[in-house]
Amino acid sequence: MAEMPTFVYMVKLVRREMFERMSLEEEVIIDEHFEYLKRGSAEGRVILAGRCEDREFGIVVFRAASEEEAKDFMKNDPAVKKGVTTAELHPFRVALIEKS
């Protein structure tokens, strides 16, 4: 069976000050975002997710059957859907990965 295509989406906060002062609504949305990615990981879809320590952006590397499915996954991320972050999708090929 062929492996599913891999994609990456980069997320950037709409309001950069959010790191210093997060509203209750933003906290709830970020928690939903994290739970969404955890579910994706448990399902074998999300390969890795995280943010840069300099807080410039975060990435989500994941599998999807098609570009349309990848767009849907990205757009349904609560942080993207509710406007806390912007997102940019790209096809991605993992060349090297650490062996556990």
PDB file of N, CA and C in Angstrom:
ATOM      1  N   MET A   1       0.840  -1.175   0.000  1.00  0.00           N
ATOM      2  CA  MET A   1       0.000   0.000   0.000  1.00  0.00           C
ATOM      3  C   MET A   1       0.893   1.248   0.000  1.00  0.00           C
ATOM      4  N   ALA A   2       0.603   2.174  -0.872  1.00  0.00           N
ATOM      5  CA  ALA A   2       1.385   3.413  -0.969  1.00  0.00           C
ATOM      6  C   ALA A   2       1.078   4.323   0.217  1.00  0.00           C
ATOM      7  N   GLU A   3       2.121   5.027   0.645  1.00  0.00           N
ATOM      8  CA  GLU A   3       1.919   5.974   1.748  1.00  0.00           C
ATOM      9  C   GLU A   3       1.105   7.166   1.282  1.00  0.00           C
ATOM     10  N   MET A   4       0.350   7.723   2.213  1.00  0.00           N
ATOM     11  CA  MET A   4      -0.428   8.931   1.913  1.00  0.00           C
ATOM     12  C   MET A   4       0.526  10.101   1.737  1.00  0.00           C
ATOM     13  N   PRO A   5       0.156  11.055   0.892  1.00  0.00           N
ATOM     14  CA  PRO A   5       0.974  12.265   0.731  1.00  0.00           C
ATOM     15  C   PRO A   5       1.108  13.012   2.063  1.00  0.00           C
ATOM     16  N   THR A   6       2.190  13.740   2.183  1.00  0.00           N
ATOM     17  CA  THR A   6       2.474  14.511   3.387  1.00  0.00           C
ATOM     18  C   THR A   6       2.363  15.996   3.057  1.00  0.00           C
ATOM     19  N   PHE A   7       1.872  16.756   4.028  1.00  0.00           N
ATOM     20  CA  PHE A   7       1.708  18.205   3.890  1.00  0.00           C
ATOM     21  C   PHE A   7       2.229  18.881   5.147  1.00  0.00           C
ATOM     22  N   VAL A   8       2.479  20.165   5.038  1.00  0.00           N
ATOM     23  CA  VAL A   8       2.839  20.965   6.196  1.00  0.00           C
ATOM     24  C   VAL A   8       2.015  22.240   6.135  1.00  0.00           C
ATOM     25  N   TYR A   9       1.518  22.662   7.279  1.00  0.00           N
ATOM     26  CA  TYR A   9       0.956  24.007   7.312  1.00  0.00           C
ATOM     27  C   TYR A   9       1.627  24.794   8.407  1.00  0.00           C
ATOM     28  N   MET A  10       1.895  26.045   8.050  1.00  0.00           N
ATOM     29  CA  MET A  10       2.535  26.976   8.958  1.00  0.00           C
ATOM     30  C   MET A  10       1.446  27.871   9.530  1.00  0.00           C
ATOM     31  N   VAL A  11       1.459  28.050  10.849  1.00  0.00           N
ATOM     32  CA  VAL A  11       0.486  28.927  11.496  1.00  0.00           C
ATOM     33  C   VAL A  11       1.214  30.114  12.130  1.00  0.00           C
ATOM     34  N   LYS A  12       0.588  31.277  12.004  1.00  0.00           N
ATOM     35  CA  LYS A  12       1.101  32.492  12.629  1.00  0.00           C
ATOM     36  C   LYS A  12      -0.032  33.144  13.393  1.00  0.00           C
ATOM     37  N   LEU A  13       0.297  33.619  14.584  1.00  0.00           N
ATOM     38  CA  LEU A  13      -0.711  34.317  15.377  1.00  0.00           C
ATOM     39  C   LEU A  13      -1.150  35.594  14.683  1.00  0.00           C
ATOM     40  N   VAL A  14      -2.430  35.852  14.697  1.00  0.00           N
ATOM     41  CA  VAL A  14      -2.957  37.102  14.158  1.00  0.00           C
ATOM     42  C   VAL A  14      -2.574  38.254  15.085  1.00  0.00           C
ATOM     43  N   ARG A  15      -2.618  37.976  16.359  1.00  0.00           N
ATOM     44  CA  ARG A  15      -2.294  38.983  17.373  1.00  0.00           C
ATOM     45  C   ARG A  15      -1.063  38.501  18.136  1.00  0.00           C
ATOM     46  N   ARG A  16       0.103  38.965  17.727  1.00  0.00           N
ATOM     47  CA  ARG A  16       1.363  38.504  18.310  1.00  0.00           C
ATOM     48  C   ARG A  16       1.437  38.724  19.829  1.00  0.00           C
ATOM     49  N   GLU A  17       0.779  39.763  20.321  1.00  0.00           N
ATOM     50  CA  GLU A  17       0.781  40.064  21.758  1.00  0.00           C
ATOM     51  C   GLU A  17       0.094  38.966  22.571  1.00  0.00           C
ATOM     52  N   MET A  18      -0.535  38.040  21.886  1.00  0.00           N
ATOM     53  CA  MET A  18      -1.268  36.982  22.556  1.00  0.00           C
ATOM     54  C   MET A  18      -0.373  36.189  23.502  1.00  0.00           C
ATOM     55  N   PHE A  19       0.916  36.084  23.206  1.00  0.00           N
ATOM     56  CA  PHE A  19       1.817  35.346  24.081  1.00  0.00           C
ATOM     57  C   PHE A  19       1.915  36.003  25.457  1.00  0.00           C
ATOM     58  N   GLU A  20       1.840  37.323  25.490  1.00  0.00           N
ATOM     59  CA  GLU A  20       1.937  38.042  26.766  1.00  0.00           C
ATOM     60  C   GLU A  20       0.574  38.204  27.439  1.00  0.00           C
ATOM     61  N   ARG A  21      -0.458  38.441  26.643  1.00  0.00           N
ATOM     62  CA  ARG A  21      -1.802  38.689  27.178  1.00  0.00           C
ATOM     63  C   ARG A  21      -2.821  37.940  26.326  1.00  0.00           C
ATOM     64  N   MET A  22      -3.240  36.803  26.846  1.00  0.00           N
ATOM     65  CA  MET A  22      -4.206  35.991  26.126  1.00  0.00           C
ATOM     66  C   MET A  22      -5.573  36.147  26.786  1.00  0.00           C
ATOM     67  N   SER A  23      -6.576  36.422  25.968  1.00  0.00           N
ATOM     68  CA  SER A  23      -7.931  36.510  26.507  1.00  0.00           C
ATOM     69  C   SER A  23      -8.428  35.109  26.846  1.00  0.00           C
ATOM     70  N   LEU A  24      -9.476  35.036  27.635  1.00  0.00           N
ATOM     71  CA  LEU A  24     -10.070  33.751  27.984  1.00  0.00           C
ATOM     72  C   LEU A  24     -10.527  33.020  26.720  1.00  0.00           C
ATOM     73  N   GLU A  25     -11.132  33.745  25.802  1.00  0.00           N
ATOM     74  CA  GLU A  25     -11.586  33.143  24.540  1.00  0.00           C
ATOM     75  C   GLU A  25     -10.399  32.570  23.760  1.00  0.00           C
ATOM     76  N   GLU A  26      -9.281  33.318  23.697  1.00  0.00           N
ATOM     77  CA  GLU A  26      -8.095  32.826  22.994  1.00  0.00           C
ATOM     78  C   GLU A  26      -7.535  31.578  23.674  1.00  0.00           C
ATOM     79  N   GLU A  27      -7.529  31.564  25.007  1.00  0.00           N
ATOM     80  CA  GLU A  27      -7.060  30.380  25.739  1.00  0.00           C
ATOM     81  C   GLU A  27      -7.880  29.150  25.370  1.00  0.00           C
ATOM     82  N   VAL A  28      -9.189  29.316  25.324  1.00  0.00           N
ATOM     83  CA  VAL A  28     -10.081  28.209  24.975  1.00  0.00           C
ATOM     84  C   VAL A  28      -9.774  27.721  23.555  1.00  0.00           C
ATOM     85  N   ILE A  29      -9.600  28.641  22.626  1.00  0.00           N
ATOM     86  CA  ILE A  29      -9.335  28.280  21.230  1.00  0.00           C
ATOM     87  C   ILE A  29      -7.991  27.569  21.102  1.00  0.00           C
ATOM     88  N   ILE A  30      -6.978  28.048  21.798  1.00  0.00           N
ATOM     89  CA  ILE A  30      -5.658  27.404  21.740  1.00  0.00           C
ATOM     90  C   ILE A  30      -5.731  26.002  22.348  1.00  0.00           C
ATOM     91  N   ASP A  31      -6.497  25.834  23.405  1.00  0.00           N
ATOM     92  CA  ASP A  31      -6.704  24.490  23.966  1.00  0.00           C
ATOM     93  C   ASP A  31      -7.395  23.577  22.951  1.00  0.00           C
ATOM     94  N   GLU A  32      -8.397  24.097  22.245  1.00  0.00           N
ATOM     95  CA  GLU A  32      -9.089  23.320  21.208  1.00  0.00           C
ATOM     96  C   GLU A  32      -8.124  22.949  20.088  1.00  0.00           C
ATOM     97  N   HIS A  33      -7.283  23.891  19.699  1.00  0.00           N
ATOM     98  CA  HIS A  33      -6.257  23.669  18.665  1.00  0.00           C
ATOM     99  C   HIS A  33      -5.356  22.508  19.081  1.00  0.00           C
ATOM    100  N   PHE A  34      -4.869  22.539  20.322  1.00  0.00           N
ATOM    101  CA  PHE A  34      -3.978  21.488  20.812  1.00  0.00           C
ATOM    102  C   PHE A  34      -4.685  20.133  20.838  1.00  0.00           C
ATOM    103  N   GLU A  35      -5.930  20.103  21.290  1.00  0.00           N
ATOM    104  CA  GLU A  35      -6.703  18.854  21.322  1.00  0.00           C
ATOM    105  C   GLU A  35      -6.942  18.325  19.904  1.00  0.00           C
ATOM    106  N   TYR A  36      -7.201  19.216  18.964  1.00  0.00           N
ATOM    107  CA  TYR A  36      -7.402  18.842  17.557  1.00  0.00           C
ATOM    108  C   TYR A  36      -6.149  18.137  17.021  1.00  0.00           C
ATOM    109  N   LEU A  37      -4.992  18.710  17.313  1.00  0.00           N
ATOM    110  CA  LEU A  37      -3.740  18.121  16.838  1.00  0.00           C
ATOM    111  C   LEU A  37      -3.438  16.808  17.567  1.00  0.00           C
ATOM    112  N   LYS A  38      -3.758  16.726  18.850  1.00  0.00           N
ATOM    113  CA  LYS A  38      -3.567  15.473  19.592  1.00  0.00           C
ATOM    114  C   LYS A  38      -4.432  14.364  18.996  1.00  0.00           C
ATOM    115  N   ARG A  39      -5.675  14.692  18.642  1.00  0.00           N
ATOM    116  CA  ARG A  39      -6.548  13.693  18.006  1.00  0.00           C
ATOM    117  C   ARG A  39      -5.958  13.254  16.666  1.00  0.00           C
ATOM    118  N   GLY A  40      -5.458  14.227  15.900  1.00  0.00           N
ATOM    119  CA  GLY A  40      -4.831  13.908  14.617  1.00  0.00           C
ATOM    120  C   GLY A  40      -3.620  13.007  14.788  1.00  0.00           C
ATOM    121  N   SER A  41      -2.866  13.230  15.835  1.00  0.00           N
ATOM    122  CA  SER A  41      -1.701  12.391  16.128  1.00  0.00           C
ATOM    123  C   SER A  41      -2.146  10.977  16.515  1.00  0.00           C
ATOM    124  N   ALA A  42      -3.149  10.875  17.367  1.00  0.00           N
ATOM    125  CA  ALA A  42      -3.658   9.570  17.802  1.00  0.00           C
ATOM    126  C   ALA A  42      -4.210   8.772  16.627  1.00  0.00           C
ATOM    127  N   GLU A  43      -4.749   9.470  15.634  1.00  0.00           N
ATOM    128  CA  GLU A  43      -5.304   8.814  14.437  1.00  0.00           C
ATOM    129  C   GLU A  43      -4.218   8.446  13.432  1.00  0.00           C
ATOM    130  N   GLY A  44      -2.970   8.851  13.680  1.00  0.00           N
ATOM    131  CA  GLY A  44      -1.880   8.572  12.753  1.00  0.00           C
ATOM    132  C   GLY A  44      -1.772   9.579  11.623  1.00  0.00           C
ATOM    133  N   ARG A  45      -2.503  10.676  11.710  1.00  0.00           N
ATOM    134  CA  ARG A  45      -2.495  11.697  10.676  1.00  0.00           C
ATOM    135  C   ARG A  45      -1.391  12.720  10.914  1.00  0.00           C
ATOM    136  N   VAL A  46      -1.285  13.250  12.122  1.00  0.00           N
ATOM    137  CA  VAL A  46      -0.284  14.263  12.441  1.00  0.00           C
ATOM    138  C   VAL A  46       1.034  13.568  12.770  1.00  0.00           C
ATOM    139  N   ILE A  47       2.069  13.951  12.038  1.00  0.00           N
ATOM    140  CA  ILE A  47       3.406  13.390  12.235  1.00  0.00           C
ATOM    141  C   ILE A  47       4.123  14.162  13.334  1.00  0.00           C
ATOM    142  N   LEU A  48       4.047  15.477  13.271  1.00  0.00           N
ATOM    143  CA  LEU A  48       4.623  16.324  14.307  1.00  0.00           C
ATOM    144  C   LEU A  48       3.988  17.692  14.250  1.00  0.00           C
ATOM    145  N   ALA A  49       4.023  18.371  15.380  1.00  0.00           N
ATOM    146  CA  ALA A  49       3.485  19.733  15.461  1.00  0.00           C
ATOM    147  C   ALA A  49       4.252  20.459  16.554  1.00  0.00           C
ATOM    148  N   GLY A  50       4.472  21.732  16.342  1.00  0.00           N
ATOM    149  CA  GLY A  50       5.155  22.521  17.355  1.00  0.00           C
ATOM    150  C   GLY A  50       5.348  23.948  16.883  1.00  0.00           C
ATOM    151  N   ARG A  51       5.952  24.749  17.780  1.00  0.00           N
ATOM    152  CA  ARG A  51       6.182  26.140  17.431  1.00  0.00           C
ATOM    153  C   ARG A  51       7.648  26.476  17.618  1.00  0.00           C
ATOM    154  N   CYS A  52       8.076  27.506  16.937  1.00  0.00           N
ATOM    155  CA  CYS A  52       9.435  28.003  17.086  1.00  0.00           C
ATOM    156  C   CYS A  52       9.558  28.674  18.448  1.00  0.00           C
ATOM    157  N   GLU A  53      10.700  28.521  19.067  1.00  0.00           N
ATOM    158  CA  GLU A  53      10.935  29.144  20.371  1.00  0.00           C
ATOM    159  C   GLU A  53      10.904  30.670  20.283  1.00  0.00           C
ATOM    160  N   ASP A  54      11.203  31.216  19.101  1.00  0.00           N
ATOM    161  CA  ASP A  54      11.141  32.683  18.950  1.00  0.00           C
ATOM    162  C   ASP A  54       9.723  33.165  18.688  1.00  0.00           C
ATOM    163  N   ARG A  55       8.769  32.229  18.673  1.00  0.00           N
ATOM    164  CA  ARG A  55       7.342  32.525  18.550  1.00  0.00           C
ATOM    165  C   ARG A  55       6.934  33.131  17.210  1.00  0.00           C
ATOM    166  N   GLU A  56       7.756  32.944  16.202  1.00  0.00           N
ATOM    167  CA  GLU A  56       7.434  33.495  14.876  1.00  0.00           C
ATOM    168  C   GLU A  56       6.344  32.696  14.171  1.00  0.00           C
ATOM    169  N   PHE A  57       6.377  31.379  14.305  1.00  0.00           N
ATOM    170  CA  PHE A  57       5.369  30.539  13.656  1.00  0.00           C
ATOM    171  C   PHE A  57       5.408  29.139  14.250  1.00  0.00           C
ATOM    172  N   GLY A  58       4.382  28.380  13.931  1.00  0.00           N
ATOM    173  CA  GLY A  58       4.324  26.971  14.284  1.00  0.00           C
ATOM    174  C   GLY A  58       4.107  26.165  13.023  1.00  0.00           C
ATOM    175  N   ILE A  59       4.375  24.867  13.099  1.00  0.00           N
ATOM    176  CA  ILE A  59       4.142  24.003  11.938  1.00  0.00           C
ATOM    177  C   ILE A  59       3.405  22.743  12.369  1.00  0.00           C
ATOM    178  N   VAL A  60       2.674  22.216  11.405  1.00  0.00           N
ATOM    179  CA  VAL A  60       2.009  20.925  11.568  1.00  0.00           C
ATOM    180  C   VAL A  60       2.358  20.110  10.331  1.00  0.00           C
ATOM    181  N   VAL A  61       3.039  18.993  10.529  1.00  0.00           N
ATOM    182  CA  VAL A  61       3.362  18.074   9.437  1.00  0.00           C
ATOM    183  C   VAL A  61       2.386  16.916   9.565  1.00  0.00           C
ATOM    184  N   PHE A  62       1.674  16.622   8.479  1.00  0.00           N
ATOM    185  CA  PHE A  62       0.597  15.631   8.566  1.00  0.00           C
ATOM    186  C   PHE A  62       0.361  14.942   7.232  1.00  0.00           C
ATOM    187  N   ARG A  63      -0.394  13.859   7.294  1.00  0.00           N
ATOM    188  CA  ARG A  63      -0.749  13.083   6.104  1.00  0.00           C
ATOM    189  C   ARG A  63      -2.200  13.366   5.720  1.00  0.00           C
ATOM    190  N   ALA A  64      -2.434  13.370   4.420  1.00  0.00           N
ATOM    191  CA  ALA A  64      -3.795  13.498   3.891  1.00  0.00           C
ATOM    192  C   ALA A  64      -3.840  12.795   2.539  1.00  0.00           C
ATOM    193  N   ALA A  65      -4.987  12.267   2.188  1.00  0.00           N
ATOM    194  CA  ALA A  65      -5.134  11.525   0.939  1.00  0.00           C
ATOM    195  C   ALA A  65      -5.004  12.418  -0.290  1.00  0.00           C
ATOM    196  N   SER A  66      -5.332  13.709  -0.133  1.00  0.00           N
ATOM    197  CA  SER A  66      -5.298  14.634  -1.266  1.00  0.00           C
ATOM    198  C   SER A  66      -5.054  16.052  -0.761  1.00  0.00           C
ATOM    199  N   GLU A  67      -4.769  16.943  -1.678  1.00  0.00           N
ATOM    200  CA  GLU A  67      -4.587  18.340  -1.298  1.00  0.00           C
ATOM    201  C   GLU A  67      -5.886  18.925  -0.747  1.00  0.00           C
ATOM    202  N   GLU A  68      -7.004  18.522  -1.308  1.00  0.00           N
ATOM    203  CA  GLU A  68      -8.307  19.004  -0.813  1.00  0.00           C
ATOM    204  C   GLU A  68      -8.533  18.552   0.631  1.00  0.00           C
ATOM    205  N   GLU A  69      -8.233  17.298   0.920  1.00  0.00           N
ATOM    206  CA  GLU A  69      -8.369  16.799   2.286  1.00  0.00           C
ATOM    207  C   GLU A  69      -7.402  17.532   3.224  1.00  0.00           C
ATOM    208  N   ALA A  70      -6.208  17.829   2.738  1.00  0.00           N
ATOM    209  CA  ALA A  70      -5.223  18.569   3.535  1.00  0.00           C
ATOM    210  C   ALA A  70      -5.740  19.978   3.843  1.00  0.00           C
ATOM    211  N   LYS A  71      -6.317  20.626   2.851  1.00  0.00           N
ATOM    212  CA  LYS A  71      -6.888  21.966   3.066  1.00  0.00           C
ATOM    213  C   LYS A  71      -8.007  21.909   4.105  1.00  0.00           C
ATOM    214  N   ASP A  72      -8.841  20.893   4.008  1.00  0.00           N
ATOM    215  CA  ASP A  72      -9.938  20.746   4.975  1.00  0.00           C
ATOM    216  C   ASP A  72      -9.404  20.556   6.390  1.00  0.00           C
ATOM    217  N   PHE A  73      -8.374  19.716   6.524  1.00  0.00           N
ATOM    218  CA  PHE A  73      -7.797  19.489   7.845  1.00  0.00           C
ATOM    219  C   PHE A  73      -7.244  20.792   8.417  1.00  0.00           C
ATOM    220  N   MET A  74      -6.519  21.537   7.608  1.00  0.00           N
ATOM    221  CA  MET A  74      -5.945  22.807   8.045  1.00  0.00           C
ATOM    222  C   MET A  74      -7.043  23.815   8.399  1.00  0.00           C
ATOM    223  N   LYS A  75      -8.028  23.957   7.529  1.00  0.00           N
ATOM    224  CA  LYS A  75      -9.093  24.942   7.754  1.00  0.00           C
ATOM    225  C   LYS A  75      -9.974  24.600   8.951  1.00  0.00           C
ATOM    226  N   ASN A  76     -10.015  23.320   9.327  1.00  0.00           N
ATOM    227  CA  ASN A  76     -10.821  22.913  10.477  1.00  0.00           C
ATOM    228  C   ASN A  76     -10.058  22.944  11.792  1.00  0.00           C
ATOM    229  N   ASP A  77      -8.790  23.307  11.737  1.00  0.00           N
ATOM    230  CA  ASP A  77      -8.025  23.532  12.971  1.00  0.00           C
ATOM    231  C   ASP A  77      -8.714  24.697  13.674  1.00  0.00           C
ATOM    232  N   PRO A  78      -9.147  24.518  14.930  1.00  0.00           N
ATOM    233  CA  PRO A  78      -9.889  25.587  15.611  1.00  0.00           C
ATOM    234  C   PRO A  78      -9.178  26.940  15.630  1.00  0.00           C
ATOM    235  N   ALA A  79      -7.850  26.966  15.750  1.00  0.00           N
ATOM    236  CA  ALA A  79      -7.124  28.238  15.772  1.00  0.00           C
ATOM    237  C   ALA A  79      -7.227  28.951  14.430  1.00  0.00           C
ATOM    238  N   VAL A  80      -7.273  28.183  13.355  1.00  0.00           N
ATOM    239  CA  VAL A  80      -7.416  28.753  12.010  1.00  0.00           C
ATOM    240  C   VAL A  80      -8.876  29.138  11.772  1.00  0.00           C
ATOM    241  N   LYS A  81      -9.760  28.203  12.062  1.00  0.00           N
ATOM    242  CA  LYS A  81     -11.196  28.391  11.818  1.00  0.00           C
ATOM    243  C   LYS A  81     -11.753  29.596  12.577  1.00  0.00           C
ATOM    244  N   LYS A  82     -11.244  29.820  13.800  1.00  0.00           N
ATOM    245  CA  LYS A  82     -11.761  30.902  14.634  1.00  0.00           C
ATOM    246  C   LYS A  82     -10.919  32.166  14.566  1.00  0.00           C
ATOM    247  N   GLY A  83      -9.967  32.206  13.621  1.00  0.00           N
ATOM    248  CA  GLY A  83      -9.247  33.441  13.332  1.00  0.00           C
ATOM    249  C   GLY A  83      -8.150  33.854  14.299  1.00  0.00           C
ATOM    250  N   VAL A  84      -7.689  32.933  15.147  1.00  0.00           N
ATOM    251  CA  VAL A  84      -6.594  33.259  16.064  1.00  0.00           C
ATOM    252  C   VAL A  84      -5.258  33.193  15.329  1.00  0.00           C
ATOM    253  N   THR A  85      -5.174  32.306  14.322  1.00  0.00           N
ATOM    254  CA  THR A  85      -3.971  32.188  13.501  1.00  0.00           C
ATOM    255  C   THR A  85      -4.338  32.257  12.025  1.00  0.00           C
ATOM    256  N   THR A  86      -3.337  32.587  11.230  1.00  0.00           N
ATOM    257  CA  THR A  86      -3.435  32.398   9.791  1.00  0.00           C
ATOM    258  C   THR A  86      -2.715  31.092   9.497  1.00  0.00           C
ATOM    259  N   ALA A  87      -2.951  30.513   8.336  1.00  0.00           N
ATOM    260  CA  ALA A  87      -2.304  29.250   7.991  1.00  0.00           C
ATOM    261  C   ALA A  87      -1.961  29.229   6.513  1.00  0.00           C
ATOM    262  N   GLU A  88      -0.854  28.557   6.216  1.00  0.00           N
ATOM    263  CA  GLU A  88      -0.376  28.434   4.839  1.00  0.00           C
ATOM    264  C   GLU A  88       0.002  26.973   4.613  1.00  0.00           C
ATOM    265  N   LEU A  89      -0.577  26.344   3.599  1.00  0.00           N
ATOM    266  CA  LEU A  89      -0.395  24.921   3.313  1.00  0.00           C
ATOM    267  C   LEU A  89       0.619  24.700   2.198  1.00  0.00           C
ATOM    268  N   HIS A  90       1.437  23.647   2.363  1.00  0.00           N
ATOM    269  CA  HIS A  90       2.403  23.261   1.335  1.00  0.00           C
ATOM    270  C   HIS A  90       2.516  21.745   1.297  1.00  0.00           C
ATOM    271  N   PRO A  91       2.664  21.176   0.078  1.00  0.00           N
ATOM    272  CA  PRO A  91       3.001  19.753   0.001  1.00  0.00           C
ATOM    273  C   PRO A  91       4.398  19.603   0.622  1.00  0.00           C
ATOM    274  N   PHE A  92       4.668  18.465   1.235  1.00  0.00           N
ATOM    275  CA  PHE A  92       5.916  18.299   1.961  1.00  0.00           C
ATOM    276  C   PHE A  92       6.392  16.865   1.843  1.00  0.00           C
ATOM    277  N   ARG A  93       7.696  16.680   1.723  1.00  0.00           N
ATOM    278  CA  ARG A  93       8.240  15.327   1.673  1.00  0.00           C
ATOM    279  C   ARG A  93       9.252  15.173   2.801  1.00  0.00           C
ATOM    280  N   VAL A  94       9.008  14.209   3.655  1.00  0.00           N
ATOM    281  CA  VAL A  94       9.951  13.918   4.731  1.00  0.00           C
ATOM    282  C   VAL A  94      11.133  13.188   4.084  1.00  0.00           C
ATOM    283  N   ALA A  95      12.326  13.763   4.237  1.00  0.00           N
ATOM    284  CA  ALA A  95      13.534  13.148   3.685  1.00  0.00           C
ATOM    285  C   ALA A  95      14.272  12.350   4.761  1.00  0.00           C
ATOM    286  N   LEU A  96      14.307  12.873   5.968  1.00  0.00           N
ATOM    287  CA  LEU A  96      14.959  12.201   7.100  1.00  0.00           C
ATOM    288  C   LEU A  96      14.081  12.336   8.327  1.00  0.00           C
ATOM    289  N   ILE A  97      14.082  11.306   9.125  1.00  0.00           N
ATOM    290  CA  ILE A  97      13.335  11.369  10.379  1.00  0.00           C
ATOM    291  C   ILE A  97      14.089  10.528  11.408  1.00  0.00           C
ATOM    292  N   GLU A  98      14.126  11.020  12.622  1.00  0.00           N
ATOM    293  CA  GLU A  98      14.812  10.320  13.688  1.00  0.00           C
ATOM    294  C   GLU A  98      14.176   8.964  13.930  1.00  0.00           C
ATOM    295  N   LYS A  99      15.004   7.960  14.121  1.00  0.00           N
ATOM    296  CA  LYS A  99      14.488   6.628  14.441  1.00  0.00           C
ATOM    297  C   LYS A  99      14.379   6.517  15.943  1.00  0.00           C
ATOM    298  N   SER A 100      13.240   5.991  16.410  1.00  0.00           N
ATOM    299  CA  SER A 100      13.067   5.880  17.862  1.00  0.00           C
ATOM    300  C   SER A 100      13.635   4.597  18.394  1.00  0.00           C
TER     301      SER A 100
END
